Amino acid sequence: MFGEYTPLMKPMLIARRMERGTAIVDDVLGLLKLCPRCQEFWPQDTLFWSTSSREADGLQCHCKACQSEHRSERIQRNESRNAA
């Protein structure tokens, strides 16, 4: 909860994402980014998104909640394979 930040983005990247509908600006929360997995908009900061040096905006493409859910599904799937 402390130390979260919003990575700086190039203006053209923000404009392109807003045109495509993958980012919106909220009056209260600021810039929101769309998670393609859960189809929800979340504030574009490190509280909701993990960092990634490979992405243009510096954040992972899926939100932290979806990453956690995907990880637990993968662990359960692997455990069921090993038990059989």
PDB file of N, CA and C in Angstrom:
ATOM      1  N   MET A   1       0.812  -1.188   0.000  1.00  0.00           N
ATOM      2  CA  MET A   1       0.000   0.000   0.000  1.00  0.00           C
ATOM      3  C   MET A   1       0.856   1.253   0.000  1.00  0.00           C
ATOM      4  N   PHE A   2       2.127   1.091   0.332  1.00  0.00           N
ATOM      5  CA  PHE A   2       3.027   2.231   0.296  1.00  0.00           C
ATOM      6  C   PHE A   2       4.093   1.956  -0.743  1.00  0.00           C
ATOM      7  N   GLY A   3       4.470   2.976  -1.463  1.00  0.00           N
ATOM      8  CA  GLY A   3       5.476   2.811  -2.493  1.00  0.00           C
ATOM      9  C   GLY A   3       4.890   2.547  -3.870  1.00  0.00           C
ATOM     10  N   GLU A   4       3.562   2.601  -4.007  1.00  0.00           N
ATOM     11  CA  GLU A   4       2.967   2.420  -5.324  1.00  0.00           C
ATOM     12  C   GLU A   4       3.260   3.656  -6.166  1.00  0.00           C
ATOM     13  N   TYR A   5       3.352   3.444  -7.445  1.00  0.00           N
ATOM     14  CA  TYR A   5       3.597   4.565  -8.343  1.00  0.00           C
ATOM     15  C   TYR A   5       2.958   4.272  -9.692  1.00  0.00           C
ATOM     16  N   THR A   6       2.791   5.324 -10.467  1.00  0.00           N
ATOM     17  CA  THR A   6       2.286   5.202 -11.826  1.00  0.00           C
ATOM     18  C   THR A   6       3.444   5.460 -12.776  1.00  0.00           C
ATOM     19  N   PRO A   7       3.844   4.457 -13.552  1.00  0.00           N
ATOM     20  CA  PRO A   7       4.952   4.677 -14.488  1.00  0.00           C
ATOM     21  C   PRO A   7       4.603   5.750 -15.518  1.00  0.00           C
ATOM     22  N   LEU A   8       5.608   6.502 -15.925  1.00  0.00           N
ATOM     23  CA  LEU A   8       5.402   7.530 -16.942  1.00  0.00           C
ATOM     24  C   LEU A   8       5.196   6.870 -18.299  1.00  0.00           C
ATOM     25  N   MET A   9       4.261   7.432 -19.058  1.00  0.00           N
ATOM     26  CA  MET A   9       3.968   6.908 -20.390  1.00  0.00           C
ATOM     27  C   MET A   9       4.114   8.024 -21.410  1.00  0.00           C
ATOM     28  N   LYS A  10       4.463   7.647 -22.620  1.00  0.00           N
ATOM     29  CA  LYS A  10       4.544   8.617 -23.704  1.00  0.00           C
ATOM     30  C   LYS A  10       3.125   9.053 -24.074  1.00  0.00           C
ATOM     31  N   PRO A  11       2.926  10.334 -24.377  1.00  0.00           N
ATOM     32  CA  PRO A  11       1.590  10.829 -24.730  1.00  0.00           C
ATOM     33  C   PRO A  11       0.952  10.078 -25.895  1.00  0.00           C
ATOM     34  N   MET A  12       1.748   9.676 -26.880  1.00  0.00           N
ATOM     35  CA  MET A  12       1.192   8.948 -28.030  1.00  0.00           C
ATOM     36  C   MET A  12       0.644   7.585 -27.608  1.00  0.00           C
ATOM     37  N   LEU A  13       1.288   6.936 -26.656  1.00  0.00           N
ATOM     38  CA  LEU A  13       0.818   5.641 -26.170  1.00  0.00           C
ATOM     39  C   LEU A  13      -0.515   5.799 -25.444  1.00  0.00           C
ATOM     40  N   ILE A  14      -0.626   6.830 -24.628  1.00  0.00           N
ATOM     41  CA  ILE A  14      -1.891   7.091 -23.928  1.00  0.00           C
ATOM     42  C   ILE A  14      -2.994   7.370 -24.943  1.00  0.00           C
ATOM     43  N   ALA A  15      -2.716   8.219 -25.934  1.00  0.00           N
ATOM     44  CA  ALA A  15      -3.716   8.557 -26.952  1.00  0.00           C
ATOM     45  C   ALA A  15      -4.151   7.318 -27.724  1.00  0.00           C
ATOM     46  N   ARG A  16      -3.196   6.465 -28.095  1.00  0.00           N
ATOM     47  CA  ARG A  16      -3.520   5.247 -28.850  1.00  0.00           C
ATOM     48  C   ARG A  16      -4.407   4.320 -28.023  1.00  0.00           C
ATOM     49  N   ARG A  17      -4.091   4.159 -26.748  1.00  0.00           N
ATOM     50  CA  ARG A  17      -4.895   3.273 -25.897  1.00  0.00           C
ATOM     51  C   ARG A  17      -6.293   3.833 -25.658  1.00  0.00           C
ATOM     52  N   MET A  18      -6.401   5.142 -25.556  1.00  0.00           N
ATOM     53  CA  MET A  18      -7.728   5.734 -25.379  1.00  0.00           C
ATOM     54  C   MET A  18      -8.552   5.583 -26.652  1.00  0.00           C
ATOM     55  N   GLU A  19      -7.931   5.695 -27.812  1.00  0.00           N
ATOM     56  CA  GLU A  19      -8.640   5.496 -29.079  1.00  0.00           C
ATOM     57  C   GLU A  19      -9.146   4.063 -29.205  1.00  0.00           C
ATOM     58  N   ARG A  20      -8.331   3.099 -28.783  1.00  0.00           N
ATOM     59  CA  ARG A  20      -8.707   1.681 -28.861  1.00  0.00           C
ATOM     60  C   ARG A  20      -9.682   1.275 -27.762  1.00  0.00           C
ATOM     61  N   GLY A  21      -9.813   2.096 -26.727  1.00  0.00           N
ATOM     62  CA  GLY A  21     -10.713   1.762 -25.633  1.00  0.00           C
ATOM     63  C   GLY A  21     -10.074   0.907 -24.555  1.00  0.00           C
ATOM     64  N   THR A  22      -8.746   0.782 -24.566  1.00  0.00           N
ATOM     65  CA  THR A  22      -8.070  -0.013 -23.538  1.00  0.00           C
ATOM     66  C   THR A  22      -7.607   0.847 -22.370  1.00  0.00           C
ATOM     67  N   ALA A  23      -7.869   2.147 -22.437  1.00  0.00           N
ATOM     68  CA  ALA A  23      -7.564   3.055 -21.336  1.00  0.00           C
ATOM     69  C   ALA A  23      -8.618   4.153 -21.318  1.00  0.00           C
ATOM     70  N   ILE A  24      -8.969   4.592 -20.122  1.00  0.00           N
ATOM     71  CA  ILE A  24      -9.898   5.709 -19.956  1.00  0.00           C
ATOM     72  C   ILE A  24      -9.374   6.601 -18.833  1.00  0.00           C
ATOM     73  N   VAL A  25      -9.862   7.830 -18.801  1.00  0.00           N
ATOM     74  CA  VAL A  25      -9.477   8.752 -17.741  1.00  0.00           C
ATOM     75  C   VAL A  25     -10.700   9.002 -16.876  1.00  0.00           C
ATOM     76  N   ASP A  26     -10.546   8.754 -15.585  1.00  0.00           N
ATOM     77  CA  ASP A  26     -11.604   8.985 -14.608  1.00  0.00           C
ATOM     78  C   ASP A  26     -11.272  10.273 -13.853  1.00  0.00           C
ATOM     79  N   ASP A  27     -12.299  11.071 -13.531  1.00  0.00           N
ATOM     80  CA  ASP A  27     -12.072  12.337 -12.839  1.00  0.00           C
ATOM     81  C   ASP A  27     -11.444  12.139 -11.464  1.00  0.00           C
ATOM     82  N   VAL A  28     -11.793  11.062 -10.787  1.00  0.00           N
ATOM     83  CA  VAL A  28     -11.298  10.818  -9.429  1.00  0.00           C
ATOM     84  C   VAL A  28     -10.043   9.950  -9.428  1.00  0.00           C
ATOM     85  N   LEU A  29     -10.073   8.849 -10.165  1.00  0.00           N
ATOM     86  CA  LEU A  29      -8.988   7.868 -10.110  1.00  0.00           C
ATOM     87  C   LEU A  29      -7.861   8.131 -11.101  1.00  0.00           C
ATOM     88  N   GLY A  30      -8.086   8.952 -12.086  1.00  0.00           N
ATOM     89  CA  GLY A  30      -7.058   9.233 -13.085  1.00  0.00           C
ATOM     90  C   GLY A  30      -7.093   8.233 -14.223  1.00  0.00           C
ATOM     91  N   LEU A  31      -5.923   7.847 -14.714  1.00  0.00           N
ATOM     92  CA  LEU A  31      -5.813   6.941 -15.854  1.00  0.00           C
ATOM     93  C   LEU A  31      -6.129   5.509 -15.427  1.00  0.00           C
ATOM     94  N   LEU A  32      -7.054   4.872 -16.147  1.00  0.00           N
ATOM     95  CA  LEU A  32      -7.444   3.491 -15.872  1.00  0.00           C
ATOM     96  C   LEU A  32      -7.047   2.626 -17.055  1.00  0.00           C
ATOM     97  N   LYS A  33      -6.581   1.426 -16.761  1.00  0.00           N
ATOM     98  CA  LYS A  33      -6.125   0.487 -17.789  1.00  0.00           C
ATOM     99  C   LYS A  33      -7.039  -0.731 -17.787  1.00  0.00           C
ATOM    100  N   LEU A  34      -7.355  -1.251 -18.974  1.00  0.00           N
ATOM    101  CA  LEU A  34      -8.222  -2.414 -19.117  1.00  0.00           C
ATOM    102  C   LEU A  34      -7.420  -3.700 -18.975  1.00  0.00           C
ATOM    103  N   CYS A  35      -7.907  -4.601 -18.134  1.00  0.00           N
ATOM    104  CA  CYS A  35      -7.321  -5.936 -18.032  1.00  0.00           C
ATOM    105  C   CYS A  35      -8.046  -6.817 -19.048  1.00  0.00           C
ATOM    106  N   PRO A  36      -7.324  -7.399 -20.008  1.00  0.00           N
ATOM    107  CA  PRO A  36      -7.993  -8.197 -21.035  1.00  0.00           C
ATOM    108  C   PRO A  36      -8.577  -9.507 -20.513  1.00  0.00           C
ATOM    109  N   ARG A  37      -8.156  -9.949 -19.354  1.00  0.00           N
ATOM    110  CA  ARG A  37      -8.653 -11.218 -18.819  1.00  0.00           C
ATOM    111  C   ARG A  37     -10.000 -11.036 -18.112  1.00  0.00           C
ATOM    112  N   CYS A  38     -10.088 -10.076 -17.194  1.00  0.00           N
ATOM    113  CA  CYS A  38     -11.341  -9.880 -16.446  1.00  0.00           C
ATOM    114  C   CYS A  38     -12.228  -8.801 -17.070  1.00  0.00           C
ATOM    115  N   GLN A  39     -11.712  -8.093 -18.079  1.00  0.00           N
ATOM    116  CA  GLN A  39     -12.450  -7.042 -18.788  1.00  0.00           C
ATOM    117  C   GLN A  39     -12.896  -5.912 -17.858  1.00  0.00           C
ATOM    118  N   GLU A  40     -12.074  -5.590 -16.855  1.00  0.00           N
ATOM    119  CA  GLU A  40     -12.363  -4.489 -15.939  1.00  0.00           C
ATOM    120  C   GLU A  40     -11.252  -3.452 -16.025  1.00  0.00           C
ATOM    121  N   PHE A  41     -11.625  -2.196 -15.770  1.00  0.00           N
ATOM    122  CA  PHE A  41     -10.646  -1.112 -15.748  1.00  0.00           C
ATOM    123  C   PHE A  41     -10.144  -0.924 -14.325  1.00  0.00           C
ATOM    124  N   TRP A  42      -8.817  -0.796 -14.179  1.00  0.00           N
ATOM    125  CA  TRP A  42      -8.178  -0.593 -12.881  1.00  0.00           C
ATOM    126  C   TRP A  42      -7.223   0.586 -12.994  1.00  0.00           C
ATOM    127  N   PRO A  43      -7.021   1.325 -11.882  1.00  0.00           N
ATOM    128  CA  PRO A  43      -6.054   2.427 -11.929  1.00  0.00           C
ATOM    129  C   PRO A  43      -4.683   1.938 -12.386  1.00  0.00           C
ATOM    130  N   GLN A  44      -4.070   2.698 -13.237  1.00  0.00           N
ATOM    131  CA  GLN A  44      -2.787   2.292 -13.803  1.00  0.00           C
ATOM    132  C   GLN A  44      -1.664   2.663 -12.843  1.00  0.00           C
ATOM    133  N   ASP A  45      -1.499   1.843 -11.805  1.00  0.00           N
ATOM    134  CA  ASP A  45      -0.379   1.999 -10.887  1.00  0.00           C
ATOM    135  C   ASP A  45       0.030   0.634 -10.357  1.00  0.00           C
ATOM    136  N   THR A  46       1.086   0.608  -9.588  1.00  0.00           N
ATOM    137  CA  THR A  46       1.651  -0.667  -9.146  1.00  0.00           C
ATOM    138  C   THR A  46       0.869  -1.313  -8.012  1.00  0.00           C
ATOM    139  N   LEU A  47      -0.183  -0.687  -7.528  1.00  0.00           N
ATOM    140  CA  LEU A  47      -1.055  -1.338  -6.553  1.00  0.00           C
ATOM    141  C   LEU A  47      -1.908  -2.400  -7.243  1.00  0.00           C
ATOM    142  N   PHE A  48      -2.300  -2.158  -8.487  1.00  0.00           N
ATOM    143  CA  PHE A  48      -3.171  -3.066  -9.228  1.00  0.00           C
ATOM    144  C   PHE A  48      -2.448  -3.850 -10.321  1.00  0.00           C
ATOM    145  N   TRP A  49      -1.262  -3.416 -10.734  1.00  0.00           N
ATOM    146  CA  TRP A  49      -0.521  -4.030 -11.835  1.00  0.00           C
ATOM    147  C   TRP A  49       0.908  -4.305 -11.404  1.00  0.00           C
ATOM    148  N   SER A  50       1.454  -5.441 -11.780  1.00  0.00           N
ATOM    149  CA  SER A  50       2.867  -5.747 -11.532  1.00  0.00           C
ATOM    150  C   SER A  50       3.716  -5.039 -12.584  1.00  0.00           C
ATOM    151  N   THR A  51       4.939  -4.732 -12.216  1.00  0.00           N
ATOM    152  CA  THR A  51       5.821  -4.049 -13.157  1.00  0.00           C
ATOM    153  C   THR A  51       6.380  -5.017 -14.197  1.00  0.00           C
ATOM    154  N   SER A  52       6.694  -4.473 -15.358  1.00  0.00           N
ATOM    155  CA  SER A  52       7.284  -5.251 -16.442  1.00  0.00           C
ATOM    156  C   SER A  52       8.129  -4.322 -17.302  1.00  0.00           C
ATOM    157  N   SER A  53       9.407  -4.611 -17.389  1.00  0.00           N
ATOM    158  CA  SER A  53      10.284  -3.755 -18.194  1.00  0.00           C
ATOM    159  C   SER A  53      10.071  -3.969 -19.688  1.00  0.00           C
ATOM    160  N   ARG A  54       9.409  -5.051 -20.057  1.00  0.00           N
ATOM    161  CA  ARG A  54       9.177  -5.344 -21.481  1.00  0.00           C
ATOM    162  C   ARG A  54       7.982  -4.599 -22.064  1.00  0.00           C
ATOM    163  N   GLU A  55       7.037  -4.217 -21.234  1.00  0.00           N
ATOM    164  CA  GLU A  55       5.830  -3.546 -21.723  1.00  0.00           C
ATOM    165  C   GLU A  55       6.085  -2.050 -21.915  1.00  0.00           C
ATOM    166  N   ALA A  56       5.393  -1.457 -22.864  1.00  0.00           N
ATOM    167  CA  ALA A  56       5.590  -0.041 -23.194  1.00  0.00           C
ATOM    168  C   ALA A  56       5.229   0.879 -22.033  1.00  0.00           C
ATOM    169  N   ASP A  57       4.223   0.489 -21.235  1.00  0.00           N
ATOM    170  CA  ASP A  57       3.820   1.330 -20.112  1.00  0.00           C
ATOM    171  C   ASP A  57       4.499   0.932 -18.804  1.00  0.00           C
ATOM    172  N   GLY A  58       5.324  -0.099 -18.828  1.00  0.00           N
ATOM    173  CA  GLY A  58       6.051  -0.526 -17.638  1.00  0.00           C
ATOM    174  C   GLY A  58       5.264  -1.429 -16.715  1.00  0.00           C
ATOM    175  N   LEU A  59       4.057  -1.850 -17.140  1.00  0.00           N
ATOM    176  CA  LEU A  59       3.198  -2.691 -16.305  1.00  0.00           C
ATOM    177  C   LEU A  59       2.782  -3.950 -17.057  1.00  0.00           C
ATOM    178  N   GLN A  60       2.519  -5.027 -16.320  1.00  0.00           N
ATOM    179  CA  GLN A  60       2.060  -6.279 -16.921  1.00  0.00           C
ATOM    180  C   GLN A  60       0.741  -6.046 -17.654  1.00  0.00           C
ATOM    181  N   CYS A  61       0.388  -6.954 -18.555  1.00  0.00           N
ATOM    182  CA  CYS A  61      -0.851  -6.776 -19.319  1.00  0.00           C
ATOM    183  C   CYS A  61      -2.078  -7.236 -18.525  1.00  0.00           C
ATOM    184  N   HIS A  62      -1.914  -8.152 -17.560  1.00  0.00           N
ATOM    185  CA  HIS A  62      -3.032  -8.604 -16.723  1.00  0.00           C
ATOM    186  C   HIS A  62      -2.895  -8.027 -15.317  1.00  0.00           C
ATOM    187  N   CYS A  63      -4.024  -7.715 -14.688  1.00  0.00           N
ATOM    188  CA  CYS A  63      -4.000  -7.147 -13.344  1.00  0.00           C
ATOM    189  C   CYS A  63      -3.497  -8.181 -12.332  1.00  0.00           C
ATOM    190  N   LYS A  64      -3.118  -7.720 -11.153  1.00  0.00           N
ATOM    191  CA  LYS A  64      -2.573  -8.612 -10.128  1.00  0.00           C
ATOM    192  C   LYS A  64      -3.587  -9.668  -9.704  1.00  0.00           C
ATOM    193  N   ALA A  65      -4.866  -9.318  -9.637  1.00  0.00           N
ATOM    194  CA  ALA A  65      -5.893 -10.286  -9.241  1.00  0.00           C
ATOM    195  C   ALA A  65      -5.987 -11.418 -10.257  1.00  0.00           C
ATOM    196  N   CYS A  66      -5.950 -11.097 -11.534  1.00  0.00           N
ATOM    197  CA  CYS A  66      -6.012 -12.131 -12.576  1.00  0.00           C
ATOM    198  C   CYS A  66      -4.745 -12.974 -12.588  1.00  0.00           C
ATOM    199  N   GLN A  67      -3.600 -12.354 -12.345  1.00  0.00           N
ATOM    200  CA  GLN A  67      -2.352 -13.117 -12.270  1.00  0.00           C
ATOM    201  C   GLN A  67      -2.412 -14.126 -11.134  1.00  0.00           C
ATOM    202  N   SER A  68      -2.922 -13.697  -9.986  1.00  0.00           N
ATOM    203  CA  SER A  68      -3.030 -14.585  -8.831  1.00  0.00           C
ATOM    204  C   SER A  68      -4.003 -15.724  -9.108  1.00  0.00           C
ATOM    205  N   GLU A  69      -5.137 -15.402  -9.715  1.00  0.00           N
ATOM    206  CA  GLU A  69      -6.133 -16.417 -10.053  1.00  0.00           C
ATOM    207  C   GLU A  69      -5.558 -17.423 -11.051  1.00  0.00           C
ATOM    208  N   HIS A  70      -4.866 -16.935 -12.059  1.00  0.00           N
ATOM    209  CA  HIS A  70      -4.267 -17.811 -13.072  1.00  0.00           C
ATOM    210  C   HIS A  70      -3.206 -18.716 -12.438  1.00  0.00           C
ATOM    211  N   ARG A  71      -2.416 -18.159 -11.539  1.00  0.00           N
ATOM    212  CA  ARG A  71      -1.375 -18.932 -10.865  1.00  0.00           C
ATOM    213  C   ARG A  71      -1.986 -20.055 -10.029  1.00  0.00           C
ATOM    214  N   SER A  72      -3.055 -19.753  -9.278  1.00  0.00           N
ATOM    215  CA  SER A  72      -3.683 -20.788  -8.446  1.00  0.00           C
ATOM    216  C   SER A  72      -4.348 -21.860  -9.308  1.00  0.00           C
ATOM    217  N   GLU A  73      -4.934 -21.476 -10.440  1.00  0.00           N
ATOM    218  CA  GLU A  73      -5.516 -22.465 -11.358  1.00  0.00           C
ATOM    219  C   GLU A  73      -4.438 -23.393 -11.908  1.00  0.00           C
ATOM    220  N   ARG A  74      -3.298 -22.821 -12.255  1.00  0.00           N
ATOM    221  CA  ARG A  74      -2.198 -23.611 -12.789  1.00  0.00           C
ATOM    222  C   ARG A  74      -1.649 -24.577 -11.735  1.00  0.00           C
ATOM    223  N   ILE A  75      -1.544 -24.127 -10.494  1.00  0.00           N
ATOM    224  CA  ILE A  75      -1.062 -24.987  -9.407  1.00  0.00           C
ATOM    225  C   ILE A  75      -2.032 -26.135  -9.174  1.00  0.00           C
ATOM    226  N   GLN A  76      -3.336 -25.843  -9.142  1.00  0.00           N
ATOM    227  CA  GLN A  76      -4.339 -26.898  -8.945  1.00  0.00           C
ATOM    228  C   GLN A  76      -4.296 -27.906 -10.085  1.00  0.00           C
ATOM    229  N   ARG A  77      -4.151 -27.421 -11.305  1.00  0.00           N
ATOM    230  CA  ARG A  77      -4.091 -28.301 -12.466  1.00  0.00           C
ATOM    231  C   ARG A  77      -2.865 -29.218 -12.380  1.00  0.00           C
ATOM    232  N   ASN A  78      -1.728 -28.673 -11.981  1.00  0.00           N
ATOM    233  CA  ASN A  78      -0.515 -29.474 -11.849  1.00  0.00           C
ATOM    234  C   ASN A  78      -0.628 -30.485 -10.712  1.00  0.00           C
ATOM    235  N   GLU A  79      -1.264 -30.098  -9.608  1.00  0.00           N
ATOM    236  CA  GLU A  79      -1.437 -31.023  -8.484  1.00  0.00           C
ATOM    237  C   GLU A  79      -2.348 -32.181  -8.861  1.00  0.00           C
ATOM    238  N   SER A  80      -3.401 -31.898  -9.633  1.00  0.00           N
ATOM    239  CA  SER A  80      -4.314 -32.969 -10.038  1.00  0.00           C
ATOM    240  C   SER A  80      -3.625 -33.930 -11.010  1.00  0.00           C
ATOM    241  N   ARG A  81      -2.731 -33.416 -11.853  1.00  0.00           N
ATOM    242  CA  ARG A  81      -1.978 -34.287 -12.761  1.00  0.00           C
ATOM    243  C   ARG A  81      -1.018 -35.180 -11.980  1.00  0.00           C
ATOM    244  N   ASN A  82      -0.373 -34.613 -10.977  1.00  0.00           N
ATOM    245  CA  ASN A  82       0.592 -35.376 -10.185  1.00  0.00           C
ATOM    246  C   ASN A  82      -0.087 -36.419  -9.303  1.00  0.00           C
ATOM    247  N   ALA A  83      -1.323 -36.148  -8.869  1.00  0.00           N
ATOM    248  CA  ALA A  83      -2.047 -37.082  -8.005  1.00  0.00           C
ATOM    249  C   ALA A  83      -2.544 -38.292  -8.798  1.00  0.00           C
ATOM    250  N   ALA A  84      -2.779 -38.105 -10.076  1.00  0.00           N
ATOM    251  CA  ALA A  84      -3.331 -39.195 -10.897  1.00  0.00           C
ATOM    252  C   ALA A  84      -2.318 -40.217 -11.302  1.00  0.00           C
TER     253      ALA A  84
END
